[in-house]
Full PDB file with SEQRES, HELIX, SHEET, SSBOND, CRYST1, ORIGX, SCALE, CONECT and MASTER records, all heavy atoms in Angstrom:
SEQRES   1 A   35  ALA PRO ALA ALA GLU THR PRO LEU PRO THR GLY ALA PRO          
SEQRES   2 A   35  VAL VAL ILE PRO LEU LYS THR ILE SER GLN ILE SER TYR          
SEQRES   3 A   35  THR GLY PRO LEU GLN THR GLY GLY GLN                          
SHEET    1 AA1 2 LYS A  19  ILE A  21  0                                        
SHEET    2 AA1 2 SER A  25  THR A  27 -1                                        
CRYST1    1.000    1.000    1.000  90.00  90.00  90.00 P 1           1          
ORIGX1      1.000000  0.000000  0.000000        0.00000                         
ORIGX2      0.000000  1.000000  0.000000        0.00000                         
ORIGX3      0.000000  0.000000  1.000000        0.00000                         
SCALE1      1.000000  0.000000  0.000000        0.00000                         
SCALE2      0.000000  1.000000  0.000000        0.00000                         
SCALE3      0.000000  0.000000  1.000000        0.00000                         
ATOM      1  N   ALA A   1    -202.137 -10.604   0.232  1.00  0.00           N  
ATOM      2  CA  ALA A   1    -202.769 -10.432  -1.246  1.00  0.00           C  
ATOM      3  C   ALA A   1    -202.002 -11.454  -2.078  1.00  0.00           C  
ATOM      4  O   ALA A   1    -200.818 -11.511  -2.117  1.00  0.00           O  
ATOM      5  CB  ALA A   1    -202.591  -9.091  -1.709  1.00  0.00           C  
ATOM      6  N   PRO A   2    -202.845 -12.256  -2.985  1.00  0.00           N  
ATOM      7  CA  PRO A   2    -202.224 -13.157  -3.839  1.00  0.00           C  
ATOM      8  C   PRO A   2    -201.287 -12.516  -4.878  1.00  0.00           C  
ATOM      9  O   PRO A   2    -201.677 -11.472  -5.305  1.00  0.00           O  
ATOM     10  CB  PRO A   2    -203.368 -13.883  -4.409  1.00  0.00           C  
ATOM     11  CG  PRO A   2    -204.507 -12.947  -4.346  1.00  0.00           C  
ATOM     12  CD  PRO A   2    -204.242 -12.053  -3.080  1.00  0.00           C  
ATOM     13  N   ALA A   3    -200.180 -13.278  -5.218  1.00  0.00           N  
ATOM     14  CA  ALA A   3    -199.294 -12.791  -6.161  1.00  0.00           C  
ATOM     15  C   ALA A   3    -199.487 -13.696  -7.425  1.00  0.00           C  
ATOM     16  O   ALA A   3    -200.206 -14.697  -7.411  1.00  0.00           O  
ATOM     17  CB  ALA A   3    -197.875 -12.923  -5.712  1.00  0.00           C  
ATOM     18  N   ALA A   4    -198.941 -13.287  -8.529  1.00  0.00           N  
ATOM     19  CA  ALA A   4    -199.015 -14.019  -9.798  1.00  0.00           C  
ATOM     20  C   ALA A   4    -198.418 -15.365  -9.664  1.00  0.00           C  
ATOM     21  O   ALA A   4    -197.369 -15.537  -8.953  1.00  0.00           O  
ATOM     22  CB  ALA A   4    -198.359 -13.272 -10.946  1.00  0.00           C  
ATOM     23  N   GLU A   5    -199.012 -16.413 -10.241  1.00  0.00           N  
ATOM     24  CA  GLU A   5    -198.440 -17.760 -10.233  1.00  0.00           C  
ATOM     25  C   GLU A   5    -197.349 -17.825 -11.318  1.00  0.00           C  
ATOM     26  O   GLU A   5    -197.544 -17.929 -12.452  1.00  0.00           O  
ATOM     27  CB  GLU A   5    -199.507 -18.730 -10.458  1.00  0.00           C  
ATOM     28  CG  GLU A   5    -199.059 -20.213 -10.494  1.00  0.00           C  
ATOM     29  CD  GLU A   5    -198.779 -20.662  -9.161  1.00  0.00           C  
ATOM     30  OE1 GLU A   5    -199.569 -20.528  -8.237  1.00  0.00           O  
ATOM     31  OE2 GLU A   5    -197.652 -21.225  -8.953  1.00  0.00           O  
ATOM     32  N   THR A   6    -196.151 -17.709 -10.900  1.00  0.00           N  
ATOM     33  CA  THR A   6    -194.975 -17.764 -11.902  1.00  0.00           C  
ATOM     34  C   THR A   6    -193.845 -18.497 -11.205  1.00  0.00           C  
ATOM     35  O   THR A   6    -193.775 -18.774  -9.981  1.00  0.00           O  
ATOM     36  CB  THR A   6    -194.457 -16.482 -12.151  1.00  0.00           C  
ATOM     37  OG1 THR A   6    -193.994 -15.727 -10.906  1.00  0.00           O  
ATOM     38  CG2 THR A   6    -195.488 -15.437 -12.819  1.00  0.00           C  
ATOM     39  N   PRO A   7    -193.046 -19.292 -12.117  1.00  0.00           N  
ATOM     40  CA  PRO A   7    -191.860 -19.950 -11.523  1.00  0.00           C  
ATOM     41  C   PRO A   7    -190.994 -19.026 -10.799  1.00  0.00           C  
ATOM     42  O   PRO A   7    -190.967 -17.793 -11.065  1.00  0.00           O  
ATOM     43  CB  PRO A   7    -191.286 -20.495 -12.725  1.00  0.00           C  
ATOM     44  CG  PRO A   7    -192.248 -20.430 -13.882  1.00  0.00           C  
ATOM     45  CD  PRO A   7    -193.129 -19.236 -13.597  1.00  0.00           C  
ATOM     46  N   LEU A   8    -190.122 -19.568  -9.851  1.00  0.00           N  
ATOM     47  CA  LEU A   8    -189.171 -18.811  -9.172  1.00  0.00           C  
ATOM     48  C   LEU A   8    -188.092 -18.392 -10.250  1.00  0.00           C  
ATOM     49  O   LEU A   8    -187.681 -19.063 -11.157  1.00  0.00           O  
ATOM     50  CB  LEU A   8    -188.542 -19.546  -8.059  1.00  0.00           C  
ATOM     51  CG  LEU A   8    -189.490 -20.040  -6.942  1.00  0.00           C  
ATOM     52  CD1 LEU A   8    -188.747 -20.747  -5.852  1.00  0.00           C  
ATOM     53  CD2 LEU A   8    -190.302 -18.761  -6.307  1.00  0.00           C  
ATOM     54  N   PRO A   9    -187.527 -17.120  -9.995  1.00  0.00           N  
ATOM     55  CA  PRO A   9    -186.535 -16.678 -11.026  1.00  0.00           C  
ATOM     56  C   PRO A   9    -185.299 -17.552 -10.963  1.00  0.00           C  
ATOM     57  O   PRO A   9    -185.019 -18.012  -9.936  1.00  0.00           O  
ATOM     58  CB  PRO A   9    -186.289 -15.274 -10.578  1.00  0.00           C  
ATOM     59  CG  PRO A   9    -186.591 -15.201  -9.050  1.00  0.00           C  
ATOM     60  CD  PRO A   9    -187.788 -16.134  -9.000  1.00  0.00           C  
ATOM     61  N   THR A  10    -184.566 -17.668 -11.983  1.00  0.00           N  
ATOM     62  CA  THR A  10    -183.391 -18.318 -12.056  1.00  0.00           C  
ATOM     63  C   THR A  10    -182.274 -17.569 -12.625  1.00  0.00           C  
ATOM     64  O   THR A  10    -182.468 -16.743 -13.485  1.00  0.00           O  
ATOM     65  CB  THR A  10    -183.448 -19.705 -12.916  1.00  0.00           C  
ATOM     66  OG1 THR A  10    -182.203 -20.377 -12.740  1.00  0.00           O  
ATOM     67  CG2 THR A  10    -183.850 -19.456 -14.226  1.00  0.00           C  
ATOM     68  N   GLY A  11    -181.017 -17.550 -11.992  1.00  0.00           N  
ATOM     69  CA  GLY A  11    -180.027 -16.817 -12.501  1.00  0.00           C  
ATOM     70  C   GLY A  11    -178.873 -17.727 -12.921  1.00  0.00           C  
ATOM     71  O   GLY A  11    -179.125 -18.792 -13.562  1.00  0.00           O  
ATOM     72  N   ALA A  12    -177.553 -17.411 -12.577  1.00  0.00           N  
ATOM     73  CA  ALA A  12    -176.407 -18.381 -12.826  1.00  0.00           C  
ATOM     74  C   ALA A  12    -175.994 -18.857 -11.503  1.00  0.00           C  
ATOM     75  O   ALA A  12    -175.042 -18.249 -10.905  1.00  0.00           O  
ATOM     76  CB  ALA A  12    -175.359 -17.544 -13.609  1.00  0.00           C  
ATOM     77  N   PRO A  13    -176.648 -19.873 -11.062  1.00  0.00           N  
ATOM     78  CA  PRO A  13    -176.219 -20.401  -9.665  1.00  0.00           C  
ATOM     79  C   PRO A  13    -174.930 -21.117  -9.529  1.00  0.00           C  
ATOM     80  O   PRO A  13    -174.306 -21.650 -10.648  1.00  0.00           O  
ATOM     81  CB  PRO A  13    -177.381 -21.366  -9.406  1.00  0.00           C  
ATOM     82  CG  PRO A  13    -177.717 -21.853 -10.781  1.00  0.00           C  
ATOM     83  CD  PRO A  13    -177.686 -20.783 -11.764  1.00  0.00           C  
ATOM     84  N   VAL A  14    -174.413 -21.184  -8.424  1.00  0.00           N  
ATOM     85  CA  VAL A  14    -173.220 -21.886  -8.093  1.00  0.00           C  
ATOM     86  C   VAL A  14    -173.639 -23.287  -7.971  1.00  0.00           C  
ATOM     87  O   VAL A  14    -174.558 -23.685  -7.157  1.00  0.00           O  
ATOM     88  CB  VAL A  14    -172.490 -21.448  -6.800  1.00  0.00           C  
ATOM     89  CG1 VAL A  14    -171.276 -22.263  -6.434  1.00  0.00           C  
ATOM     90  CG2 VAL A  14    -172.085 -20.023  -7.012  1.00  0.00           C  
ATOM     91  N   VAL A  15    -173.032 -24.283  -8.649  1.00  0.00           N  
ATOM     92  CA  VAL A  15    -173.281 -25.672  -8.539  1.00  0.00           C  
ATOM     93  C   VAL A  15    -172.467 -26.393  -7.505  1.00  0.00           C  
ATOM     94  O   VAL A  15    -171.144 -26.315  -7.586  1.00  0.00           O  
ATOM     95  CB  VAL A  15    -173.082 -26.302  -9.906  1.00  0.00           C  
ATOM     96  CG1 VAL A  15    -173.462 -27.887  -9.898  1.00  0.00           C  
ATOM     97  CG2 VAL A  15    -173.947 -25.684 -11.022  1.00  0.00           C  
ATOM     98  N   ILE A  16    -173.013 -26.942  -6.632  1.00  0.00           N  
ATOM     99  CA  ILE A  16    -172.377 -27.698  -5.525  1.00  0.00           C  
ATOM    100  C   ILE A  16    -172.596 -29.100  -5.545  1.00  0.00           C  
ATOM    101  O   ILE A  16    -173.775 -29.537  -5.221  1.00  0.00           O  
ATOM    102  CB  ILE A  16    -172.668 -27.095  -4.109  1.00  0.00           C  
ATOM    103  CG1 ILE A  16    -172.298 -25.654  -4.082  1.00  0.00           C  
ATOM    104  CG2 ILE A  16    -171.935 -27.903  -3.031  1.00  0.00           C  
ATOM    105  CD1 ILE A  16    -172.982 -24.803  -3.030  1.00  0.00           C  
ATOM    106  N   PRO A  17    -171.700 -30.037  -5.849  1.00  0.00           N  
ATOM    107  CA  PRO A  17    -171.984 -31.445  -6.007  1.00  0.00           C  
ATOM    108  C   PRO A  17    -172.143 -32.018  -4.399  1.00  0.00           C  
ATOM    109  O   PRO A  17    -171.406 -31.770  -3.619  1.00  0.00           O  
ATOM    110  CB  PRO A  17    -170.696 -32.045  -6.637  1.00  0.00           C  
ATOM    111  CG  PRO A  17    -169.616 -31.018  -6.244  1.00  0.00           C  
ATOM    112  CD  PRO A  17    -170.338 -29.783  -6.329  1.00  0.00           C  
ATOM    113  N   LEU A  18    -173.099 -32.937  -4.458  1.00  0.00           N  
ATOM    114  CA  LEU A  18    -173.400 -33.598  -3.097  1.00  0.00           C  
ATOM    115  C   LEU A  18    -172.984 -35.123  -3.125  1.00  0.00           C  
ATOM    116  O   LEU A  18    -172.942 -35.788  -4.248  1.00  0.00           O  
ATOM    117  CB  LEU A  18    -174.860 -33.462  -2.742  1.00  0.00           C  
ATOM    118  CG  LEU A  18    -175.430 -32.140  -2.718  1.00  0.00           C  
ATOM    119  CD1 LEU A  18    -176.931 -32.093  -2.408  1.00  0.00           C  
ATOM    120  CD2 LEU A  18    -174.762 -31.201  -1.837  1.00  0.00           C  
ATOM    121  N   LYS A  19    -172.502 -35.535  -2.043  1.00  0.00           N  
ATOM    122  CA  LYS A  19    -172.348 -36.900  -1.734  1.00  0.00           C  
ATOM    123  C   LYS A  19    -173.532 -37.507  -0.907  1.00  0.00           C  
ATOM    124  O   LYS A  19    -173.949 -36.745   0.098  1.00  0.00           O  
ATOM    125  CB  LYS A  19    -171.043 -37.286  -1.133  1.00  0.00           C  
ATOM    126  CG  LYS A  19    -169.775 -36.895  -1.958  1.00  0.00           C  
ATOM    127  CD  LYS A  19    -168.539 -37.141  -1.235  1.00  0.00           C  
ATOM    128  CE  LYS A  19    -167.320 -36.690  -1.875  1.00  0.00           C  
ATOM    129  NZ  LYS A  19    -166.022 -36.864  -1.206  1.00  0.00           N  
ATOM    130  N   THR A  20    -173.814 -38.681  -1.073  1.00  0.00           N  
ATOM    131  CA  THR A  20    -174.812 -39.316  -0.158  1.00  0.00           C  
ATOM    132  C   THR A  20    -174.232 -40.347   0.857  1.00  0.00           C  
ATOM    133  O   THR A  20    -173.227 -41.086   0.404  1.00  0.00           O  
ATOM    134  CB  THR A  20    -176.002 -39.907  -1.030  1.00  0.00           C  
ATOM    135  OG1 THR A  20    -177.009 -40.571  -0.134  1.00  0.00           O  
ATOM    136  CG2 THR A  20    -175.396 -41.179  -1.842  1.00  0.00           C  
ATOM    137  N   ILE A  21    -174.721 -40.516   1.979  1.00  0.00           N  
ATOM    138  CA  ILE A  21    -174.390 -41.358   2.915  1.00  0.00           C  
ATOM    139  C   ILE A  21    -175.522 -42.395   3.053  1.00  0.00           C  
ATOM    140  O   ILE A  21    -176.450 -42.182   3.660  1.00  0.00           O  
ATOM    141  CB  ILE A  21    -174.133 -40.864   4.404  1.00  0.00           C  
ATOM    142  CG1 ILE A  21    -173.097 -39.652   4.300  1.00  0.00           C  
ATOM    143  CG2 ILE A  21    -173.572 -41.951   5.240  1.00  0.00           C  
ATOM    144  CD1 ILE A  21    -172.817 -38.961   5.585  1.00  0.00           C  
ATOM    145  N   SER A  22    -175.326 -43.497   2.211  1.00  0.00           N  
ATOM    146  CA  SER A  22    -176.331 -44.566   2.121  1.00  0.00           C  
ATOM    147  C   SER A  22    -177.759 -44.054   1.925  1.00  0.00           C  
ATOM    148  O   SER A  22    -178.790 -44.562   2.431  1.00  0.00           O  
ATOM    149  CB  SER A  22    -176.329 -45.351   3.438  1.00  0.00           C  
ATOM    150  OG  SER A  22    -175.011 -45.977   3.647  1.00  0.00           O  
ATOM    151  N   GLN A  23    -177.829 -43.003   1.086  1.00  0.00           N  
ATOM    152  CA  GLN A  23    -179.181 -42.423   0.660  1.00  0.00           C  
ATOM    153  C   GLN A  23    -180.043 -41.956   1.914  1.00  0.00           C  
ATOM    154  O   GLN A  23    -181.240 -41.817   1.786  1.00  0.00           O  
ATOM    155  CB  GLN A  23    -180.027 -43.555  -0.062  1.00  0.00           C  
ATOM    156  CG  GLN A  23    -179.323 -44.085  -1.337  1.00  0.00           C  
ATOM    157  CD  GLN A  23    -180.109 -45.197  -1.966  1.00  0.00           C  
ATOM    158  OE1 GLN A  23    -179.525 -46.104  -2.537  1.00  0.00           O  
ATOM    159  NE2 GLN A  23    -181.450 -44.945  -1.987  1.00  0.00           N  
ATOM    160  N   ILE A  24    -179.327 -41.611   2.883  1.00  0.00           N  
ATOM    161  CA  ILE A  24    -180.044 -41.084   4.254  1.00  0.00           C  
ATOM    162  C   ILE A  24    -179.615 -39.673   4.450  1.00  0.00           C  
ATOM    163  O   ILE A  24    -180.430 -38.891   4.845  1.00  0.00           O  
ATOM    164  CB  ILE A  24    -179.603 -42.010   5.355  1.00  0.00           C  
ATOM    165  CG1 ILE A  24    -180.210 -43.412   5.149  1.00  0.00           C  
ATOM    166  CG2 ILE A  24    -180.174 -41.385   6.609  1.00  0.00           C  
ATOM    167  CD1 ILE A  24    -181.740 -43.485   5.261  1.00  0.00           C  
ATOM    168  N   SER A  25    -178.308 -39.387   4.363  1.00  0.00           N  
ATOM    169  CA  SER A  25    -177.822 -38.000   4.563  1.00  0.00           C  
ATOM    170  C   SER A  25    -177.066 -37.529   3.375  1.00  0.00           C  
ATOM    171  O   SER A  25    -176.533 -38.364   2.551  1.00  0.00           O  
ATOM    172  CB  SER A  25    -177.072 -37.898   5.799  1.00  0.00           C  
ATOM    173  OG  SER A  25    -177.731 -38.187   6.998  1.00  0.00           O  
ATOM    174  N   TYR A  26    -176.885 -36.170   3.290  1.00  0.00           N  
ATOM    175  CA  TYR A  26    -176.058 -35.597   2.213  1.00  0.00           C  
ATOM    176  C   TYR A  26    -175.077 -34.677   2.595  1.00  0.00           C  
ATOM    177  O   TYR A  26    -175.329 -33.817   3.540  1.00  0.00           O  
ATOM    178  CB  TYR A  26    -177.132 -34.928   1.214  1.00  0.00           C  
ATOM    179  CG  TYR A  26    -178.021 -35.938   0.430  1.00  0.00           C  
ATOM    180  CD1 TYR A  26    -179.139 -36.517   1.009  1.00  0.00           C  
ATOM    181  CD2 TYR A  26    -177.621 -36.415  -0.727  1.00  0.00           C  
ATOM    182  CE1 TYR A  26    -179.989 -37.342   0.429  1.00  0.00           C  
ATOM    183  CE2 TYR A  26    -178.487 -37.471  -1.448  1.00  0.00           C  
ATOM    184  CZ  TYR A  26    -179.590 -37.875  -0.768  1.00  0.00           C  
ATOM    185  OH  TYR A  26    -180.443 -38.754  -1.393  1.00  0.00           O  
ATOM    186  N   THR A  27    -173.896 -34.685   2.030  1.00  0.00           N  
ATOM    187  CA  THR A  27    -172.798 -33.901   2.364  1.00  0.00           C  
ATOM    188  C   THR A  27    -172.286 -33.120   1.248  1.00  0.00           C  
ATOM    189  O   THR A  27    -172.554 -33.467   0.082  1.00  0.00           O  
ATOM    190  CB  THR A  27    -171.630 -34.633   2.887  1.00  0.00           C  
ATOM    191  OG1 THR A  27    -171.020 -35.455   1.940  1.00  0.00           O  
ATOM    192  CG2 THR A  27    -171.966 -35.511   4.173  1.00  0.00           C  
ATOM    193  N   GLY A  28    -171.692 -31.834   1.490  1.00  0.00           N  
ATOM    194  CA  GLY A  28    -171.139 -31.050   0.552  1.00  0.00           C  
ATOM    195  C   GLY A  28    -169.730 -30.685   0.861  1.00  0.00           C  
ATOM    196  O   GLY A  28    -169.300 -30.745   2.036  1.00  0.00           O  
ATOM    197  N   PRO A  29    -168.990 -30.266  -0.127  1.00  0.00           N  
ATOM    198  CA  PRO A  29    -167.497 -29.856   0.085  1.00  0.00           C  
ATOM    199  C   PRO A  29    -167.527 -28.469   0.678  1.00  0.00           C  
ATOM    200  O   PRO A  29    -167.924 -27.472   0.093  1.00  0.00           O  
ATOM    201  CB  PRO A  29    -166.914 -29.939  -1.263  1.00  0.00           C  
ATOM    202  CG  PRO A  29    -168.016 -29.597  -2.233  1.00  0.00           C  
ATOM    203  CD  PRO A  29    -169.253 -30.100  -1.599  1.00  0.00           C  
ATOM    204  N   LEU A  30    -166.684 -28.337   1.832  1.00  0.00           N  
ATOM    205  CA  LEU A  30    -166.575 -27.102   2.456  1.00  0.00           C  
ATOM    206  C   LEU A  30    -164.955 -26.762   2.681  1.00  0.00           C  
ATOM    207  O   LEU A  30    -164.267 -27.706   2.761  1.00  0.00           O  
ATOM    208  CB  LEU A  30    -167.160 -27.069   3.848  1.00  0.00           C  
ATOM    209  CG  LEU A  30    -167.496 -25.882   4.494  1.00  0.00           C  
ATOM    210  CD1 LEU A  30    -168.650 -25.073   3.899  1.00  0.00           C  
ATOM    211  CD2 LEU A  30    -167.736 -26.049   6.023  1.00  0.00           C  
ATOM    212  N   GLN A  31    -164.669 -25.492   2.653  1.00  0.00           N  
ATOM    213  CA  GLN A  31    -163.343 -25.068   3.095  1.00  0.00           C  
ATOM    214  C   GLN A  31    -163.432 -24.172   4.246  1.00  0.00           C  
ATOM    215  O   GLN A  31    -164.122 -23.074   4.085  1.00  0.00           O  
ATOM    216  CB  GLN A  31    -162.533 -24.615   1.942  1.00  0.00           C  
ATOM    217  CG  GLN A  31    -162.064 -25.556   0.872  1.00  0.00           C  
ATOM    218  CD  GLN A  31    -161.150 -24.889  -0.114  1.00  0.00           C  
ATOM    219  OE1 GLN A  31    -160.044 -24.527   0.212  1.00  0.00           O  
ATOM    220  NE2 GLN A  31    -161.474 -24.924  -1.341  1.00  0.00           N  
ATOM    221  N   THR A  32    -162.911 -24.466   5.395  1.00  0.00           N  
ATOM    222  CA  THR A  32    -162.787 -23.584   6.579  1.00  0.00           C  
ATOM    223  C   THR A  32    -161.407 -23.176   6.759  1.00  0.00           C  
ATOM    224  O   THR A  32    -160.501 -23.978   6.985  1.00  0.00           O  
ATOM    225  CB  THR A  32    -163.419 -24.398   7.779  1.00  0.00           C  
ATOM    226  OG1 THR A  32    -164.656 -25.009   7.489  1.00  0.00           O  
ATOM    227  CG2 THR A  32    -163.573 -23.344   8.895  1.00  0.00           C  
ATOM    228  N   GLY A  33    -161.140 -21.838   6.659  1.00  0.00           N  
ATOM    229  CA  GLY A  33    -159.872 -21.286   6.685  1.00  0.00           C  
ATOM    230  C   GLY A  33    -158.866 -21.911   5.594  1.00  0.00           C  
ATOM    231  O   GLY A  33    -157.722 -22.185   5.914  1.00  0.00           O  
ATOM    232  N   GLY A  34    -159.472 -22.328   4.550  1.00  0.00           N  
ATOM    233  CA  GLY A  34    -158.777 -22.872   3.445  1.00  0.00           C  
ATOM    234  C   GLY A  34    -158.510 -24.376   3.568  1.00  0.00           C  
ATOM    235  O   GLY A  34    -157.877 -25.000   2.663  1.00  0.00           O  
ATOM    236  N   GLN A  35    -159.081 -24.914   4.544  1.00  0.00           N  
ATOM    237  CA  GLN A  35    -158.845 -26.382   4.859  1.00  0.00           C  
ATOM    238  C   GLN A  35    -160.168 -27.134   4.440  1.00  0.00           C  
ATOM    239  O   GLN A  35    -161.246 -26.795   4.912  1.00  0.00           O  
ATOM    240  CB  GLN A  35    -158.597 -26.699   6.340  1.00  0.00           C  
ATOM    241  CG  GLN A  35    -157.288 -25.885   6.738  1.00  0.00           C  
ATOM    242  CD  GLN A  35    -157.236 -25.781   8.340  1.00  0.00           C  
ATOM    243  OE1 GLN A  35    -157.289 -26.894   9.062  1.00  0.00           O  
ATOM    244  NE2 GLN A  35    -157.152 -24.658   8.857  1.00  0.00           N  
TER     245      GLN A  35                                                      
MASTER        0    0    0    0    2    0    0    6  244    1    0    3          
END                                                                             
Protein backbone atom coordinates (compact mmCIF):
# COMPACT_ATOMS: atom_id res chain seq x y z
CA ALA A 1 0.00 0.00 0.00
CA PRO A 2 1.46 3.41 -0.93
CA ALA A 3 2.70 5.62 1.86
CA ALA A 4 2.74 9.40 2.01
CA GLU A 5 5.45 11.13 -0.04
CA THR A 6 7.56 12.72 2.68
CA PRO A 7 11.28 13.26 3.25
CA LEU A 8 13.06 10.75 5.42
CA PRO A 9 13.16 11.84 9.07
CA THR A 10 16.31 13.46 10.36
CA GLY A 11 17.64 13.51 13.89
CA ALA A 12 21.03 14.46 15.33
CA PRO A 13 23.34 12.18 13.32
CA VAL A 14 26.95 11.29 14.05
CA VAL A 15 29.18 13.01 11.48
CA ILE A 16 31.96 10.83 10.07
CA PRO A 17 34.53 12.55 7.79
CA LEU A 18 35.58 10.57 4.74
CA LYS A 19 38.83 10.46 2.79
CA THR A 20 38.92 9.68 -0.90
CA ILE A 21 41.43 7.46 -2.68
CA SER A 22 41.81 9.22 -6.05
CA GLN A 23 38.02 9.81 -6.26
CA ILE A 24 37.48 6.07 -6.64
CA SER A 25 37.11 4.67 -3.10
CA TYR A 26 36.21 6.22 0.24
CA THR A 27 37.57 5.48 3.71
CA GLY A 28 36.48 6.38 7.22
CA PRO A 29 38.23 6.45 10.62
CA LEU A 30 37.79 3.30 12.71
CA GLN A 31 39.01 2.16 16.10
CA THR A 32 39.22 -1.57 16.72
CA GLY A 33 40.00 -2.44 20.30
CA GLY A 34 40.96 1.23 20.75
CA GLN A 35 43.47 1.07 17.87
